[in-house]
């Protein structure tokens, strides 16, 4: 007899939480994200478009060299990609899906941020017509020495 009651409570709680999240999302200001990219990178521009489509508000800073930015925010060279971003005190390196960024901001783990090293085909901004998407992982950056763990898998 208790199980149906617990299931009903869980269902009602879940429905209430979903309604609250939807209401908050509709009335909330877009989350600002600072993007650092080189002026000649087309895939970075496509990634910024994906951020906008997800409801984020990117501000773009074009620099000829991103090495100092990565060093400032603790991104190890082995994890680098073609752009770096900052949001909510976290660093975002590479073609991280916007859904992973939003999850990071919701969960708020103790970490430096997220990274998708390299430029995997099929990741946001790296979609190519006719190309098969590569499986890739979004890594949680644990420290400036390059320690990571898998945050999400894609493809």
Foldseek 3Di string as FASTA:
>chain_A
DVVVVVVVVVVVVVVVVVVVVVVCVVPDQAFEKEKEAAPPDQLVVQLVVQSVVVRHHYDYDHDNDCVVVCVVLLNDPQQAEGMWMDGPQAIEHALDHNVLVVVCVVVVDQARHKTFGYHFQPGRSRDDPPDDGDKTFIWTHHGSVRDTDTPDIDD
